[in-house]
Amino acid sequence: MLEAAIFVIFPFCMAFAAVSDMISLTIANRVSVLLVLSFAALALFIGMPWPEIGMHFVAGGLVLLATFLIFAIGGMGGGDAKLMASSALWFGLDVGLANYLMTTALLGGALTVALLFFRRSGFSPLVANHVLLRHFAEEKAGIPYGVALGLGGLICFPQTPFMQWAMERLAAG
């Protein structure tokens, strides 16, 4: 049962955040709250040691501090900052977090460049009324960075201690 929760909660939250950001350029606070609460509950249920849980919260806090500063200077949306911090909890202070942040940065940069070209192309008017793509076409719309966060999280999710725990449990029988 715990394995099912691990396989579903984080990926669902990341996919939901990506689609939500595409549709409305917002990421609901409930996504970040669900990530934090489910992390805490699952960490206790799988028997993660208290010092390790603390280090995961340190990772989330450091990412929140960094993203809040980026938000304060206008470089990132508030929902993106909260999502990045709450998803960082799942990785902890580990190489998985570095991989997640790097993957997300690369995807975010690629998304930004692609959108800048797309918005100046003749194709953008063709999707201006499409519910999922209209913000991709809007010249004045921001970059839905939740898409990069969601994809980066899904790509790097197997590196989380939770996924590794669940896979070991399934392999054991």
N, C-alpha and C. Protein backbone atom coordinates (compact mmCIF):
# COMPACT_ATOMS: atom_id res chain seq x y z
N MET A 1 0.81 -1.20 0.00
CA MET A 1 0.00 0.00 0.00
C MET A 1 0.86 1.27 0.00
N LEU A 2 1.91 1.26 0.82
CA LEU A 2 2.81 2.42 0.83
C LEU A 2 3.46 2.62 -0.53
N GLU A 3 3.80 1.51 -1.18
CA GLU A 3 4.42 1.60 -2.50
C GLU A 3 3.49 2.30 -3.48
N ALA A 4 2.20 1.98 -3.41
CA ALA A 4 1.23 2.62 -4.31
C ALA A 4 1.17 4.12 -4.06
N ALA A 5 1.17 4.51 -2.79
CA ALA A 5 1.15 5.95 -2.47
C ALA A 5 2.39 6.64 -3.01
N ILE A 6 3.53 5.97 -2.88
CA ILE A 6 4.78 6.56 -3.39
C ILE A 6 4.73 6.68 -4.90
N PHE A 7 4.23 5.66 -5.57
CA PHE A 7 4.17 5.68 -7.04
C PHE A 7 3.18 6.70 -7.58
N VAL A 8 2.21 7.10 -6.77
CA VAL A 8 1.13 7.96 -7.26
C VAL A 8 1.27 9.42 -6.84
N ILE A 9 1.53 9.69 -5.57
CA ILE A 9 1.39 11.05 -5.04
C ILE A 9 2.34 12.04 -5.71
N PHE A 10 3.64 11.78 -5.64
CA PHE A 10 4.60 12.73 -6.22
C PHE A 10 4.39 12.90 -7.73
N PRO A 11 4.32 11.79 -8.50
CA PRO A 11 4.11 11.98 -9.95
C PRO A 11 2.81 12.72 -10.27
N PHE A 12 1.73 12.41 -9.55
CA PHE A 12 0.47 13.10 -9.81
C PHE A 12 0.61 14.60 -9.53
N CYS A 13 1.21 14.95 -8.41
CA CYS A 13 1.37 16.37 -8.07
C CYS A 13 2.20 17.10 -9.12
N MET A 14 3.26 16.48 -9.58
CA MET A 14 4.12 17.14 -10.57
C MET A 14 3.40 17.28 -11.92
N ALA A 15 2.68 16.25 -12.32
CA ALA A 15 1.94 16.33 -13.58
C ALA A 15 0.81 17.35 -13.47
N PHE A 16 0.11 17.35 -12.34
CA PHE A 16 -0.98 18.30 -12.12
C PHE A 16 -0.46 19.73 -12.15
N ALA A 17 0.68 19.96 -11.50
CA ALA A 17 1.26 21.31 -11.49
C ALA A 17 1.64 21.76 -12.89
N ALA A 18 2.21 20.86 -13.67
CA ALA A 18 2.62 21.20 -15.04
C ALA A 18 1.41 21.59 -15.88
N VAL A 19 0.36 20.78 -15.84
CA VAL A 19 -0.84 21.05 -16.63
C VAL A 19 -1.54 22.31 -16.13
N SER A 20 -1.61 22.46 -14.81
CA SER A 20 -2.24 23.64 -14.23
C SER A 20 -1.52 24.91 -14.67
N ASP A 21 -0.20 24.87 -14.68
CA ASP A 21 0.57 26.04 -15.10
C ASP A 21 0.37 26.32 -16.58
N MET A 22 0.23 25.28 -17.38
CA MET A 22 -0.05 25.48 -18.81
C MET A 22 -1.40 26.15 -19.01
N ILE A 23 -2.40 25.74 -18.25
CA ILE A 23 -3.76 26.24 -18.44
C ILE A 23 -3.95 27.64 -17.87
N SER A 24 -3.43 27.87 -16.65
CA SER A 24 -3.77 29.12 -15.96
C SER A 24 -2.57 29.96 -15.53
N LEU A 25 -1.36 29.50 -15.80
CA LEU A 25 -0.14 30.16 -15.33
C LEU A 25 -0.12 30.30 -13.81
N THR A 26 -0.76 29.35 -13.14
CA THR A 26 -0.73 29.30 -11.68
C THR A 26 -0.56 27.85 -11.23
N ILE A 27 0.02 27.71 -10.06
CA ILE A 27 0.13 26.40 -9.42
C ILE A 27 -0.51 26.55 -8.05
N ALA A 28 -1.56 25.81 -7.82
CA ALA A 28 -2.32 25.93 -6.58
C ALA A 28 -1.45 25.57 -5.37
N ASN A 29 -1.65 26.28 -4.28
CA ASN A 29 -0.93 26.01 -3.04
C ASN A 29 -1.17 24.59 -2.54
N ARG A 30 -2.34 24.04 -2.84
CA ARG A 30 -2.67 22.70 -2.35
C ARG A 30 -1.72 21.64 -2.90
N VAL A 31 -1.13 21.89 -4.06
CA VAL A 31 -0.17 20.93 -4.61
C VAL A 31 1.07 20.89 -3.72
N SER A 32 1.60 22.05 -3.37
CA SER A 32 2.78 22.10 -2.50
C SER A 32 2.46 21.58 -1.11
N VAL A 33 1.30 21.91 -0.59
CA VAL A 33 0.90 21.42 0.73
C VAL A 33 0.80 19.89 0.71
N LEU A 34 0.20 19.33 -0.33
CA LEU A 34 0.09 17.88 -0.44
C LEU A 34 1.47 17.23 -0.51
N LEU A 35 2.39 17.83 -1.25
CA LEU A 35 3.75 17.29 -1.32
C LEU A 35 4.43 17.29 0.04
N VAL A 36 4.29 18.36 0.79
CA VAL A 36 4.93 18.45 2.11
C VAL A 36 4.30 17.46 3.09
N LEU A 37 2.97 17.45 3.16
CA LEU A 37 2.30 16.55 4.11
C LEU A 37 2.51 15.08 3.76
N SER A 38 2.44 14.76 2.49
CA SER A 38 2.63 13.36 2.09
C SER A 38 4.08 12.94 2.31
N PHE A 39 5.03 13.87 2.09
CA PHE A 39 6.42 13.54 2.40
C PHE A 39 6.55 13.18 3.87
N ALA A 40 6.02 14.02 4.74
CA ALA A 40 6.16 13.79 6.18
C ALA A 40 5.53 12.46 6.60
N ALA A 41 4.33 12.20 6.10
CA ALA A 41 3.65 10.95 6.47
C ALA A 41 4.40 9.74 5.93
N LEU A 42 4.77 9.77 4.68
CA LEU A 42 5.45 8.63 4.08
C LEU A 42 6.83 8.40 4.70
N ALA A 43 7.53 9.47 5.02
CA ALA A 43 8.84 9.32 5.65
C ALA A 43 8.71 8.56 6.97
N LEU A 44 7.68 8.89 7.73
CA LEU A 44 7.46 8.18 9.00
C LEU A 44 7.06 6.73 8.74
N PHE A 45 6.18 6.50 7.79
CA PHE A 45 5.70 5.14 7.53
C PHE A 45 6.78 4.20 6.99
N ILE A 46 7.73 4.74 6.22
CA ILE A 46 8.78 3.86 5.69
C ILE A 46 9.95 3.72 6.67
N GLY A 47 9.86 4.42 7.78
CA GLY A 47 10.91 4.30 8.80
C GLY A 47 12.15 5.12 8.53
N MET A 48 12.00 6.23 7.83
CA MET A 48 13.14 7.11 7.58
C MET A 48 13.61 7.66 8.92
N PRO A 49 14.90 7.61 9.20
CA PRO A 49 15.41 8.14 10.48
C PRO A 49 15.16 9.64 10.61
N TRP A 50 14.94 10.08 11.85
CA TRP A 50 14.65 11.49 12.12
C TRP A 50 15.73 12.44 11.58
N PRO A 51 17.00 12.13 11.74
CA PRO A 51 18.01 13.05 11.18
C PRO A 51 17.91 13.17 9.65
N GLU A 52 17.57 12.08 9.00
CA GLU A 52 17.41 12.12 7.54
C GLU A 52 16.18 12.95 7.15
N ILE A 53 15.10 12.78 7.90
CA ILE A 53 13.90 13.60 7.66
C ILE A 53 14.26 15.07 7.82
N GLY A 54 15.03 15.37 8.87
CA GLY A 54 15.46 16.75 9.10
C GLY A 54 16.27 17.30 7.93
N MET A 55 17.14 16.48 7.37
CA MET A 55 17.96 16.94 6.24
C MET A 55 17.11 17.17 4.99
N HIS A 56 16.05 16.39 4.84
CA HIS A 56 15.13 16.64 3.72
C HIS A 56 14.45 17.99 3.90
N PHE A 57 14.07 18.32 5.15
CA PHE A 57 13.46 19.62 5.40
C PHE A 57 14.47 20.75 5.23
N VAL A 58 15.73 20.50 5.55
CA VAL A 58 16.78 21.49 5.29
C VAL A 58 16.87 21.74 3.78
N ALA A 59 16.84 20.67 2.99
CA ALA A 59 16.90 20.82 1.53
C ALA A 59 15.73 21.66 1.03
N GLY A 60 14.53 21.35 1.51
CA GLY A 60 13.36 22.13 1.11
C GLY A 60 13.47 23.58 1.54
N GLY A 61 13.98 23.81 2.74
CA GLY A 61 14.14 25.17 3.24
C GLY A 61 15.16 25.97 2.44
N LEU A 62 16.27 25.33 2.10
CA LEU A 62 17.29 26.02 1.30
C LEU A 62 16.77 26.36 -0.09
N VAL A 63 16.05 25.43 -0.68
CA VAL A 63 15.48 25.70 -2.01
C VAL A 63 14.42 26.79 -1.91
N LEU A 64 13.61 26.78 -0.84
CA LEU A 64 12.61 27.83 -0.66
C LEU A 64 13.28 29.19 -0.50
N LEU A 65 14.35 29.25 0.26
CA LEU A 65 15.08 30.51 0.44
C LEU A 65 15.60 31.03 -0.90
N ALA A 66 16.24 30.15 -1.66
CA ALA A 66 16.79 30.55 -2.96
C ALA A 66 15.68 30.98 -3.92
N THR A 67 14.61 30.20 -3.99
CA THR A 67 13.54 30.53 -4.94
C THR A 67 12.75 31.76 -4.49
N PHE A 68 12.66 31.98 -3.17
CA PHE A 68 11.99 33.19 -2.70
C PHE A 68 12.78 34.42 -3.11
N LEU A 69 14.09 34.33 -3.04
CA LEU A 69 14.92 35.46 -3.48
C LEU A 69 14.74 35.71 -4.98
N ILE A 70 14.68 34.63 -5.75
CA ILE A 70 14.46 34.76 -7.20
C ILE A 70 13.08 35.35 -7.46
N PHE A 71 12.08 34.91 -6.70
CA PHE A 71 10.73 35.46 -6.81
C PHE A 71 10.73 36.95 -6.47
N ALA A 72 11.45 37.33 -5.42
CA ALA A 72 11.46 38.73 -4.96
C ALA A 72 12.02 39.68 -6.02
N ILE A 73 12.93 39.20 -6.85
CA ILE A 73 13.47 40.07 -7.90
C ILE A 73 12.73 39.90 -9.22
N GLY A 74 11.64 39.12 -9.20
CA GLY A 74 10.80 38.98 -10.39
C GLY A 74 11.23 37.91 -11.37
N GLY A 75 12.11 37.03 -10.95
CA GLY A 75 12.61 36.01 -11.86
C GLY A 75 11.84 34.70 -11.85
N MET A 76 10.86 34.58 -10.96
CA MET A 76 10.13 33.32 -10.83
C MET A 76 8.80 33.61 -10.16
N GLY A 77 7.80 32.81 -10.52
CA GLY A 77 6.50 32.95 -9.89
C GLY A 77 6.48 32.32 -8.51
N GLY A 78 5.56 32.78 -7.69
CA GLY A 78 5.45 32.26 -6.33
C GLY A 78 5.07 30.78 -6.29
N GLY A 79 4.17 30.37 -7.17
CA GLY A 79 3.79 28.96 -7.23
C GLY A 79 4.94 28.08 -7.64
N ASP A 80 5.75 28.57 -8.57
CA ASP A 80 6.94 27.83 -9.00
C ASP A 80 7.91 27.66 -7.84
N ALA A 81 8.11 28.74 -7.08
CA ALA A 81 9.04 28.70 -5.94
C ALA A 81 8.56 27.69 -4.90
N LYS A 82 7.27 27.72 -4.59
CA LYS A 82 6.74 26.79 -3.58
C LYS A 82 6.80 25.35 -4.08
N LEU A 83 6.50 25.15 -5.36
CA LEU A 83 6.54 23.79 -5.91
C LEU A 83 7.98 23.26 -5.91
N MET A 84 8.93 24.08 -6.27
CA MET A 84 10.32 23.63 -6.30
C MET A 84 10.78 23.26 -4.89
N ALA A 85 10.42 24.07 -3.90
CA ALA A 85 10.83 23.78 -2.52
C ALA A 85 10.15 22.53 -1.98
N SER A 86 8.86 22.40 -2.21
CA SER A 86 8.14 21.24 -1.68
C SER A 86 8.54 19.95 -2.37
N SER A 87 8.89 20.02 -3.64
CA SER A 87 9.36 18.83 -4.33
C SER A 87 10.80 18.50 -3.92
N ALA A 88 11.58 19.51 -3.55
CA ALA A 88 12.96 19.27 -3.09
C ALA A 88 12.97 18.42 -1.83
N LEU A 89 11.92 18.53 -1.01
CA LEU A 89 11.80 17.69 0.18
C LEU A 89 11.95 16.22 -0.16
N TRP A 90 11.39 15.82 -1.26
CA TRP A 90 11.38 14.40 -1.64
C TRP A 90 12.77 13.91 -2.04
N PHE A 91 13.66 14.83 -2.40
CA PHE A 91 15.01 14.44 -2.82
C PHE A 91 16.01 14.50 -1.68
N GLY A 92 15.83 15.46 -0.78
CA GLY A 92 16.78 15.62 0.32
C GLY A 92 18.08 16.23 -0.16
N LEU A 93 19.02 16.38 0.77
CA LEU A 93 20.35 16.91 0.43
C LEU A 93 21.19 15.77 -0.13
N ASP A 94 21.00 15.52 -1.39
CA ASP A 94 21.61 14.37 -2.03
C ASP A 94 21.89 14.74 -3.48
N VAL A 95 22.62 13.89 -4.16
CA VAL A 95 22.91 14.12 -5.58
C VAL A 95 21.61 14.14 -6.39
N GLY A 96 20.58 13.45 -5.92
CA GLY A 96 19.28 13.47 -6.61
C GLY A 96 18.71 14.87 -6.69
N LEU A 97 18.89 15.65 -5.62
CA LEU A 97 18.41 17.04 -5.63
C LEU A 97 19.18 17.86 -6.65
N ALA A 98 20.49 17.68 -6.69
CA ALA A 98 21.30 18.40 -7.68
C ALA A 98 20.86 18.02 -9.09
N ASN A 99 20.62 16.75 -9.32
CA ASN A 99 20.16 16.31 -10.64
C ASN A 99 18.80 16.90 -10.97
N TYR A 100 17.90 16.94 -10.00
CA TYR A 100 16.57 17.53 -10.20
C TYR A 100 16.68 19.01 -10.55
N LEU A 101 17.49 19.74 -9.80
CA LEU A 101 17.63 21.17 -10.05
C LEU A 101 18.28 21.44 -11.41
N MET A 102 19.27 20.63 -11.76
CA MET A 102 19.94 20.81 -13.06
C MET A 102 19.00 20.43 -14.20
N THR A 103 18.31 19.32 -14.05
CA THR A 103 17.36 18.89 -15.10
C THR A 103 16.28 19.94 -15.29
N THR A 104 15.75 20.45 -14.19
CA THR A 104 14.71 21.47 -14.26
C THR A 104 15.22 22.75 -14.90
N ALA A 105 16.44 23.13 -14.55
CA ALA A 105 17.02 24.34 -15.15
C ALA A 105 17.20 24.18 -16.65
N LEU A 106 17.71 23.03 -17.07
CA LEU A 106 17.90 22.78 -18.50
C LEU A 106 16.56 22.75 -19.24
N LEU A 107 15.57 22.07 -18.66
CA LEU A 107 14.24 22.03 -19.28
C LEU A 107 13.60 23.41 -19.30
N GLY A 108 13.77 24.17 -18.21
CA GLY A 108 13.23 25.52 -18.16
C GLY A 108 13.87 26.44 -19.18
N GLY A 109 15.18 26.31 -19.35
CA GLY A 109 15.87 27.12 -20.36
C GLY A 109 15.42 26.75 -21.77
N ALA A 110 15.30 25.45 -22.02
CA ALA A 110 14.84 25.00 -23.34
C ALA A 110 13.41 25.46 -23.60
N LEU A 111 12.56 25.37 -22.57
CA LEU A 111 11.18 25.83 -22.70
C LEU A 111 11.13 27.32 -23.00
N THR A 112 11.92 28.09 -22.31
CA THR A 112 11.94 29.54 -22.50
C THR A 112 12.37 29.89 -23.92
N VAL A 113 13.46 29.31 -24.38
CA VAL A 113 13.93 29.59 -25.74
C VAL A 113 12.89 29.15 -26.78
N ALA A 114 12.32 27.95 -26.57
CA ALA A 114 11.31 27.46 -27.51
C ALA A 114 10.10 28.38 -27.55
N LEU A 115 9.66 28.86 -26.38
CA LEU A 115 8.49 29.74 -26.36
C LEU A 115 8.80 31.09 -27.00
N LEU A 116 9.99 31.60 -26.80
CA LEU A 116 10.35 32.88 -27.43
C LEU A 116 10.30 32.76 -28.95
N PHE A 117 10.83 31.67 -29.48
CA PHE A 117 10.77 31.45 -30.93
C PHE A 117 9.34 31.22 -31.38
N PHE A 118 8.62 30.38 -30.65
CA PHE A 118 7.24 30.04 -31.03
C PHE A 118 6.35 31.28 -31.03
N ARG A 119 6.48 32.13 -30.02
CA ARG A 119 5.64 33.31 -29.92
C ARG A 119 5.89 34.30 -31.06
N ARG A 120 7.04 34.22 -31.66
CA ARG A 120 7.36 35.11 -32.78
C ARG A 120 7.10 34.44 -34.13
N SER A 121 6.69 33.20 -34.10
CA SER A 121 6.46 32.47 -35.34
C SER A 121 5.04 32.70 -35.85
N GLY A 122 4.80 32.24 -37.03
CA GLY A 122 3.46 32.33 -37.61
C GLY A 122 2.51 31.28 -37.06
N PHE A 123 3.04 30.34 -36.27
CA PHE A 123 2.20 29.26 -35.73
C PHE A 123 1.47 29.64 -34.45
N SER A 124 1.98 30.61 -33.72
CA SER A 124 1.37 30.94 -32.43
C SER A 124 -0.10 31.36 -32.54
N PRO A 125 -0.53 32.09 -33.59
CA PRO A 125 -1.95 32.42 -33.68
C PRO A 125 -2.85 31.18 -33.85
N LEU A 126 -2.28 30.11 -34.34
CA LEU A 126 -3.07 28.89 -34.56
C LEU A 126 -3.51 28.22 -33.26
N VAL A 127 -2.78 28.46 -32.18
CA VAL A 127 -3.12 27.83 -30.90
C VAL A 127 -3.61 28.84 -29.87
N ALA A 128 -3.85 30.06 -30.32
CA ALA A 128 -4.23 31.13 -29.39
C ALA A 128 -5.50 30.83 -28.60
N ASN A 129 -6.38 29.99 -29.11
CA ASN A 129 -7.62 29.68 -28.41
C ASN A 129 -7.64 28.28 -27.82
N HIS A 130 -6.54 27.55 -27.93
CA HIS A 130 -6.47 26.20 -27.37
C HIS A 130 -6.23 26.30 -25.87
N VAL A 131 -7.04 25.59 -25.08
CA VAL A 131 -6.99 25.73 -23.63
C VAL A 131 -5.62 25.38 -23.04
N LEU A 132 -4.95 24.39 -23.57
CA LEU A 132 -3.65 23.99 -23.04
C LEU A 132 -2.49 24.84 -23.58
N LEU A 133 -2.65 25.39 -24.76
CA LEU A 133 -1.52 26.04 -25.42
C LEU A 133 -1.63 27.55 -25.54
N ARG A 134 -2.75 28.13 -25.12
CA ARG A 134 -2.93 29.57 -25.36
C ARG A 134 -1.87 30.43 -24.69
N HIS A 135 -1.40 30.03 -23.49
CA HIS A 135 -0.37 30.83 -22.82
C HIS A 135 1.00 30.65 -23.47
N PHE A 136 1.16 29.57 -24.21
CA PHE A 136 2.39 29.40 -24.97
C PHE A 136 2.43 30.41 -26.11
N ALA A 137 1.26 30.81 -26.61
CA ALA A 137 1.19 31.71 -27.75
C ALA A 137 1.17 33.18 -27.35
N GLU A 138 0.78 33.50 -26.14
CA GLU A 138 0.65 34.89 -25.71
C GLU A 138 2.02 35.54 -25.52
N GLU A 139 2.22 36.59 -26.28
CA GLU A 139 3.51 37.31 -26.23
C GLU A 139 3.80 37.87 -24.84
N LYS A 140 2.77 38.34 -24.14
CA LYS A 140 2.97 38.97 -22.84
C LYS A 140 2.85 38.01 -21.67
N ALA A 141 2.50 36.77 -21.94
CA ALA A 141 2.39 35.78 -20.86
C ALA A 141 3.77 35.40 -20.36
N GLY A 142 3.82 35.00 -19.12
CA GLY A 142 5.08 34.53 -18.56
C GLY A 142 5.42 33.14 -19.08
N ILE A 143 6.48 32.60 -18.56
CA ILE A 143 6.89 31.24 -18.91
C ILE A 143 6.28 30.29 -17.88
N PRO A 144 5.51 29.32 -18.32
CA PRO A 144 4.93 28.36 -17.37
C PRO A 144 6.00 27.38 -16.87
N TYR A 145 6.82 27.87 -15.93
CA TYR A 145 7.97 27.10 -15.45
C TYR A 145 7.55 25.82 -14.72
N GLY A 146 6.27 25.76 -14.31
CA GLY A 146 5.76 24.54 -13.70
C GLY A 146 5.86 23.36 -14.64
N VAL A 147 5.86 23.62 -15.93
CA VAL A 147 6.02 22.54 -16.92
C VAL A 147 7.42 21.93 -16.77
N ALA A 148 8.43 22.78 -16.67
CA ALA A 148 9.80 22.28 -16.49
C ALA A 148 9.97 21.60 -15.14
N LEU A 149 9.37 22.17 -14.10
CA LEU A 149 9.44 21.56 -12.77
C LEU A 149 8.78 20.19 -12.76
N GLY A 150 7.61 20.12 -13.40
CA GLY A 150 6.89 18.85 -13.44
C GLY A 150 7.66 17.78 -14.20
N LEU A 151 8.15 18.14 -15.37
CA LEU A 151 8.93 17.18 -16.17
C LEU A 151 10.23 16.79 -15.46
N GLY A 152 10.92 17.77 -14.91
CA GLY A 152 12.15 17.48 -14.19
C GLY A 152 11.91 16.58 -13.00
N GLY A 153 10.83 16.83 -12.28
CA GLY A 153 10.48 15.98 -11.14
C GLY A 153 10.18 14.56 -11.56
N LEU A 154 9.44 14.41 -12.65
CA LEU A 154 9.10 13.07 -13.13
C LEU A 154 10.34 12.32 -13.63
N ILE A 155 11.23 13.03 -14.31
CA ILE A 155 12.44 12.41 -14.82
C ILE A 155 13.34 11.95 -13.66
N CYS A 156 13.46 12.77 -12.63
CA CYS A 156 14.38 12.49 -11.53
C CYS A 156 13.75 11.73 -10.36
N PHE A 157 12.46 11.51 -10.40
CA PHE A 157 11.76 10.84 -9.29
C PHE A 157 12.39 9.50 -8.90
N PRO A 158 12.87 8.69 -9.84
CA PRO A 158 13.49 7.41 -9.43
C PRO A 158 14.70 7.59 -8.51
N GLN A 159 15.26 8.79 -8.43
CA GLN A 159 16.42 9.03 -7.57
C GLN A 159 16.04 9.36 -6.14
N THR A 160 14.75 9.49 -5.85
CA THR A 160 14.33 9.82 -4.49
C THR A 160 14.47 8.60 -3.58
N PRO A 161 14.72 8.83 -2.31
CA PRO A 161 14.78 7.71 -1.37
C PRO A 161 13.47 6.92 -1.32
N PHE A 162 12.36 7.58 -1.55
CA PHE A 162 11.06 6.90 -1.53
C PHE A 162 10.95 5.89 -2.67
N MET A 163 11.30 6.32 -3.83
CA MET A 163 11.21 5.43 -4.99
C MET A 163 12.18 4.27 -4.84
N GLN A 164 13.36 4.55 -4.34
CA GLN A 164 14.33 3.48 -4.13
C GLN A 164 13.82 2.48 -3.09
N TRP A 165 13.21 2.98 -2.02
CA TRP A 165 12.62 2.11 -1.00
C TRP A 165 11.53 1.24 -1.60
N ALA A 166 10.64 1.86 -2.36
CA ALA A 166 9.51 1.13 -2.95
C ALA A 166 9.99 0.07 -3.93
N MET A 167 10.98 0.40 -4.73
CA MET A 167 11.50 -0.57 -5.70
C MET A 167 12.18 -1.76 -5.00
N GLU A 168 12.90 -1.48 -3.92
CA GLU A 168 13.52 -2.56 -3.14
C GLU A 168 12.46 -3.47 -2.53
N ARG A 169 11.40 -2.88 -2.04
CA ARG A 169 10.30 -3.68 -1.45
C ARG A 169 9.65 -4.55 -2.50
N LEU A 170 9.43 -4.01 -3.69
CA LEU A 170 8.80 -4.79 -4.75
C LEU A 170 9.72 -5.89 -5.24
N ALA A 171 11.01 -5.59 -5.32
CA ALA A 171 11.96 -6.59 -5.78
C ALA A 171 12.12 -7.73 -4.76
N ALA A 172 11.94 -7.41 -3.48
CA ALA A 172 12.09 -8.41 -2.42
C ALA A 172 10.91 -9.39 -2.40
N GLY A 173 9.84 -8.99 -3.00
CA GLY A 173 8.79 -9.96 -3.11
C GLY A 173 7.50 -9.63 -2.58
